[in-house]
Amino acid sequence: MKRLTRDQIAARVAQDISEGAYVNLGIGLPTMVANYLPKEREIFLHSENGLLGMGPAPAPGEEDEDLINAGKQPVTLLKGGAYFHHADSFAMMRGGHLDICVLGAFQVSATGDLANWHTGAPDAIPAVGGAMDLAVGAKQVFVMMEHQTKTGESKVVAQCSYPLTGVGCVNRIYTDLAVLDVTPDGLAVREKIADISFEELQTITGVPLIDRTAS
């Protein structure tokens, strides 16, 4: 089975970010989305450490050590971009001023609960950071992640077994196998890769799915 690569997942998420949107890209995998945003769209990227108008990663050798995102990765600043206080940044998040946040996850439940900060592993450093503020403050929450763990367990679950970041906050899930919408009726399969049938996806996921790929 030919799954989507991480770059392909990021490119797929970027397709759904509309003109004029104010967007926060979470630490880790979501930062890759910045490299695939359509150049013809004006999209405002926000970073919780106090940036608005963040651009893609700089070319090798052109990094500015003072210009980083919340994950301490070097970034660029687009023309018209701004720096501001950390408290102002969180006020934007908590005040409902972000249209979309894109987050990674360890688990997402069928009802949109999000667990993305702690697995309970003995060597893990629990630090929820600003994820809980983003999860409840953004108008839409997109999650991007691999569909399964390294041991083959589905990350899409009936109920999260890890500590929650937010309850019922996820709107859409992008994985290496499918795009799923969290709806009042359950998880709806919006798209799936060509190499997998709906029945196979249902078996791998292990929670009830609604087939809306043809609509």
Protein backbone atom coordinates (compact mmCIF):
# COMPACT_ATOMS: atom_id res chain seq x y z
CA MET A 1 0.00 0.00 0.00
CA LYS A 2 1.42 3.38 -1.03
CA ARG A 3 0.62 5.80 1.78
CA LEU A 4 0.97 9.56 1.56
CA THR A 5 4.32 10.95 2.66
CA ARG A 6 4.50 13.65 5.31
CA ASP A 7 5.11 16.22 2.58
CA GLN A 8 2.02 15.02 0.72
CA ILE A 9 -0.10 15.28 3.87
CA ALA A 10 1.17 18.83 4.41
CA ALA A 11 0.40 19.74 0.81
CA ARG A 12 -3.12 18.33 1.18
CA VAL A 13 -3.77 20.40 4.31
CA ALA A 14 -2.50 23.51 2.52
CA GLN A 15 -5.16 23.06 -0.18
CA ASP A 16 -7.92 23.61 2.40
CA ILE A 17 -6.56 26.88 3.81
CA SER A 18 -8.50 29.65 2.16
CA GLU A 19 -7.62 33.15 1.03
CA GLY A 20 -7.30 35.64 3.88
CA ALA A 21 -7.19 33.03 6.65
CA TYR A 22 -5.30 33.61 9.90
CA VAL A 23 -3.62 30.30 10.70
CA ASN A 24 -1.44 28.82 13.43
CA LEU A 25 0.76 25.85 12.52
CA GLY A 26 1.58 23.69 15.53
CA ILE A 27 4.99 22.33 16.47
CA GLY A 28 6.31 19.36 14.50
CA LEU A 29 4.62 17.99 11.39
CA PRO A 30 2.20 20.95 10.93
CA THR A 31 5.10 23.37 10.33
CA MET A 32 5.59 21.69 6.94
CA VAL A 33 2.28 23.15 5.72
CA ALA A 34 3.94 26.58 5.34
CA ASN A 35 6.06 25.26 2.49
CA TYR A 36 2.99 24.25 0.44
CA LEU A 37 0.63 27.20 0.79
CA PRO A 38 -0.40 28.47 -2.68
CA LYS A 39 1.63 31.58 -3.48
CA GLU A 40 -1.39 33.25 -5.07
CA ARG A 41 -3.32 33.17 -1.76
CA GLU A 42 -2.77 35.76 0.96
CA ILE A 43 -2.62 33.71 4.17
CA PHE A 44 -1.44 35.06 7.51
CA LEU A 45 0.59 32.59 9.56
CA HIS A 46 0.65 33.15 13.32
CA SER A 47 3.19 31.76 15.77
CA GLU A 48 2.40 31.65 19.48
CA ASN A 49 5.77 33.12 20.43
CA GLY A 50 4.69 36.41 18.82
CA LEU A 51 4.80 36.44 15.02
CA LEU A 52 2.21 37.23 12.39
CA GLY A 53 3.04 37.03 8.70
CA MET A 54 5.44 34.11 9.02
CA GLY A 55 6.89 32.80 5.77
CA PRO A 56 8.40 29.44 4.74
CA ALA A 57 11.65 28.04 6.09
CA PRO A 58 14.75 30.01 5.02
CA ALA A 59 17.24 28.66 2.53
CA PRO A 60 20.27 26.91 4.07
CA GLY A 61 22.75 29.49 5.29
CA GLU A 62 20.16 32.29 5.43
CA GLU A 63 18.79 31.49 8.89
CA ASP A 64 18.33 34.31 11.41
CA GLU A 65 18.77 32.98 14.95
CA ASP A 66 16.42 35.67 16.27
CA LEU A 67 13.65 34.69 13.86
CA ILE A 68 12.13 31.38 14.99
CA ASN A 69 8.73 29.76 15.41
CA ALA A 70 7.29 28.26 18.58
CA GLY A 71 9.24 25.06 17.94
CA LYS A 72 12.53 27.02 17.78
CA GLN A 73 12.86 26.33 14.05
CA PRO A 74 14.19 29.13 11.82
CA VAL A 75 11.52 30.87 9.76
CA THR A 76 11.17 33.87 7.47
CA LEU A 77 8.96 36.94 7.83
CA LEU A 78 6.90 38.13 4.89
CA LYS A 79 6.60 41.78 3.90
CA GLY A 80 4.23 43.46 6.37
CA GLY A 81 4.82 40.81 9.03
CA ALA A 82 4.89 41.79 12.70
CA TYR A 83 6.45 40.85 16.04
CA PHE A 84 4.55 41.30 19.30
CA HIS A 85 4.44 40.34 22.96
CA HIS A 86 3.77 36.74 23.99
CA ALA A 87 0.72 37.88 25.98
CA ASP A 88 -0.73 39.57 22.89
CA SER A 89 -0.16 36.40 20.91
CA PHE A 90 -2.13 34.33 23.43
CA ALA A 91 -4.86 36.97 23.49
CA MET A 92 -5.26 36.41 19.75
CA MET A 93 -5.51 32.66 20.31
CA ARG A 94 -7.90 32.80 23.24
CA GLY A 95 -9.99 35.60 21.76
CA GLY A 96 -11.10 33.59 18.73
CA HIS A 97 -9.07 35.60 16.21
CA LEU A 98 -7.51 32.59 14.44
CA ASP A 99 -9.47 30.96 11.64
CA ILE A 100 -7.56 27.68 11.66
CA CYS A 101 -4.96 25.91 13.73
CA VAL A 102 -3.17 22.82 12.44
CA LEU A 103 -1.96 20.45 15.15
CA GLY A 104 -0.31 17.07 15.38
CA ALA A 105 -1.80 14.35 17.58
CA PHE A 106 -1.16 11.10 19.37
CA GLN A 107 -4.88 10.32 19.27
CA VAL A 108 -8.14 11.83 18.04
CA SER A 109 -11.47 10.40 19.15
CA ALA A 110 -14.52 9.81 16.98
CA THR A 111 -16.16 12.82 18.64
CA GLY A 112 -13.22 15.15 18.01
CA ASP A 113 -11.40 14.94 21.36
CA LEU A 114 -7.69 15.70 20.96
CA ALA A 115 -4.73 14.15 22.79
CA ASN A 116 -1.42 15.58 21.58
CA TRP A 117 0.81 16.44 24.53
CA HIS A 118 1.55 13.36 26.65
CA THR A 119 1.60 9.58 26.12
CA GLY A 120 2.37 8.62 29.70
CA ALA A 121 5.74 7.22 28.66
CA PRO A 122 8.20 7.28 31.60
CA ASP A 123 10.79 9.33 29.70
CA ALA A 124 8.28 11.83 28.26
CA ILE A 125 8.36 15.47 29.31
CA PRO A 126 4.73 16.53 29.74
CA ALA A 127 4.27 20.05 28.39
CA VAL A 128 0.96 21.01 26.85
CA GLY A 129 2.26 24.47 25.95
CA GLY A 130 -0.19 26.58 23.94
CA ALA A 131 -1.91 23.61 22.31
CA MET A 132 -4.90 23.73 24.66
CA ASP A 133 -5.38 27.44 23.94
CA LEU A 134 -5.22 26.82 20.20
CA ALA A 135 -7.53 23.82 20.37
CA VAL A 136 -10.36 25.76 21.98
CA GLY A 137 -9.60 29.24 20.60
CA ALA A 138 -9.32 28.63 16.84
CA LYS A 139 -12.50 28.62 14.76
CA GLN A 140 -11.42 25.37 13.08
CA VAL A 141 -8.96 22.72 14.26
CA PHE A 142 -7.23 20.54 11.66
CA VAL A 143 -5.15 17.57 12.81
CA MET A 144 -2.45 16.00 10.64
CA MET A 145 -0.83 12.73 11.63
CA GLU A 146 -0.02 9.20 10.50
CA HIS A 147 -3.13 7.02 10.64
CA GLN A 148 -1.42 4.35 12.74
CA THR A 149 1.27 4.09 15.39
CA LYS A 150 4.56 2.33 14.66
CA THR A 151 3.04 -0.81 16.17
CA GLY A 152 -0.01 -0.66 13.87
CA GLU A 153 -2.63 0.72 16.25
CA SER A 154 -5.07 3.32 14.95
CA LYS A 155 -4.54 6.86 16.19
CA VAL A 156 -8.20 7.50 15.40
CA VAL A 157 -9.99 5.95 18.37
CA ALA A 158 -13.41 5.62 19.95
CA GLN A 159 -12.13 7.28 23.12
CA CYS A 160 -8.70 8.77 23.83
CA SER A 161 -6.60 6.87 26.35
CA TYR A 162 -4.01 9.66 26.64
CA PRO A 163 -4.53 12.94 28.57
CA LEU A 164 -6.74 15.32 26.60
CA THR A 165 -5.68 18.62 25.11
CA GLY A 166 -9.24 19.60 24.21
CA VAL A 167 -12.73 18.07 24.17
CA GLY A 168 -14.73 17.93 20.93
CA CYS A 169 -12.45 20.49 19.32
CA VAL A 170 -11.23 18.76 16.13
CA ASN A 171 -13.05 19.49 12.87
CA ARG A 172 -10.97 17.58 10.33
CA ILE A 173 -8.28 14.87 10.40
CA TYR A 174 -5.64 14.45 7.69
CA THR A 175 -3.65 11.21 7.68
CA ASP A 176 -1.48 9.22 5.31
CA LEU A 177 -4.57 7.18 4.40
CA ALA A 178 -7.56 9.54 4.41
CA VAL A 179 -9.19 12.86 5.17
CA LEU A 180 -11.89 12.53 7.85
CA ASP A 181 -14.49 15.07 8.95
CA VAL A 182 -15.79 15.04 12.52
CA THR A 183 -19.56 15.41 12.16
CA PRO A 184 -22.58 15.07 14.50
CA ASP A 185 -23.28 11.75 12.78
CA GLY A 186 -19.75 10.41 13.29
CA LEU A 187 -16.49 10.32 11.36
CA ALA A 188 -17.07 10.92 7.65
CA VAL A 189 -14.48 9.84 5.10
CA ARG A 190 -14.06 12.82 2.79
CA GLU A 191 -11.15 11.34 0.80
CA LYS A 192 -8.99 8.23 0.89
CA ILE A 193 -5.87 7.09 -0.94
CA ALA A 194 -6.43 5.05 -4.08
CA ASP A 195 -4.64 1.97 -2.72
CA ILE A 196 -7.18 1.29 0.02
CA SER A 197 -10.86 0.37 -0.06
CA PHE A 198 -13.39 1.87 2.31
CA GLU A 199 -13.76 -1.54 3.99
CA GLU A 200 -9.98 -1.80 4.54
CA LEU A 201 -9.89 1.72 5.96
CA GLN A 202 -12.77 0.86 8.28
CA THR A 203 -10.91 -2.24 9.54
CA ILE A 204 -7.65 -0.34 10.12
CA THR A 205 -9.41 2.54 11.89
CA GLY A 206 -11.55 0.35 14.14
CA VAL A 207 -14.29 2.94 14.75
CA PRO A 208 -17.46 3.41 12.64
CA LEU A 209 -16.88 5.49 9.49
CA ILE A 210 -19.33 7.11 7.08
CA ASP A 211 -18.43 6.89 3.39
CA ARG A 212 -18.78 10.33 1.82
CA THR A 213 -16.03 9.97 -0.76
CA ALA A 214 -18.50 9.95 -3.65
CA SER A 215 -20.47 13.00 -2.56
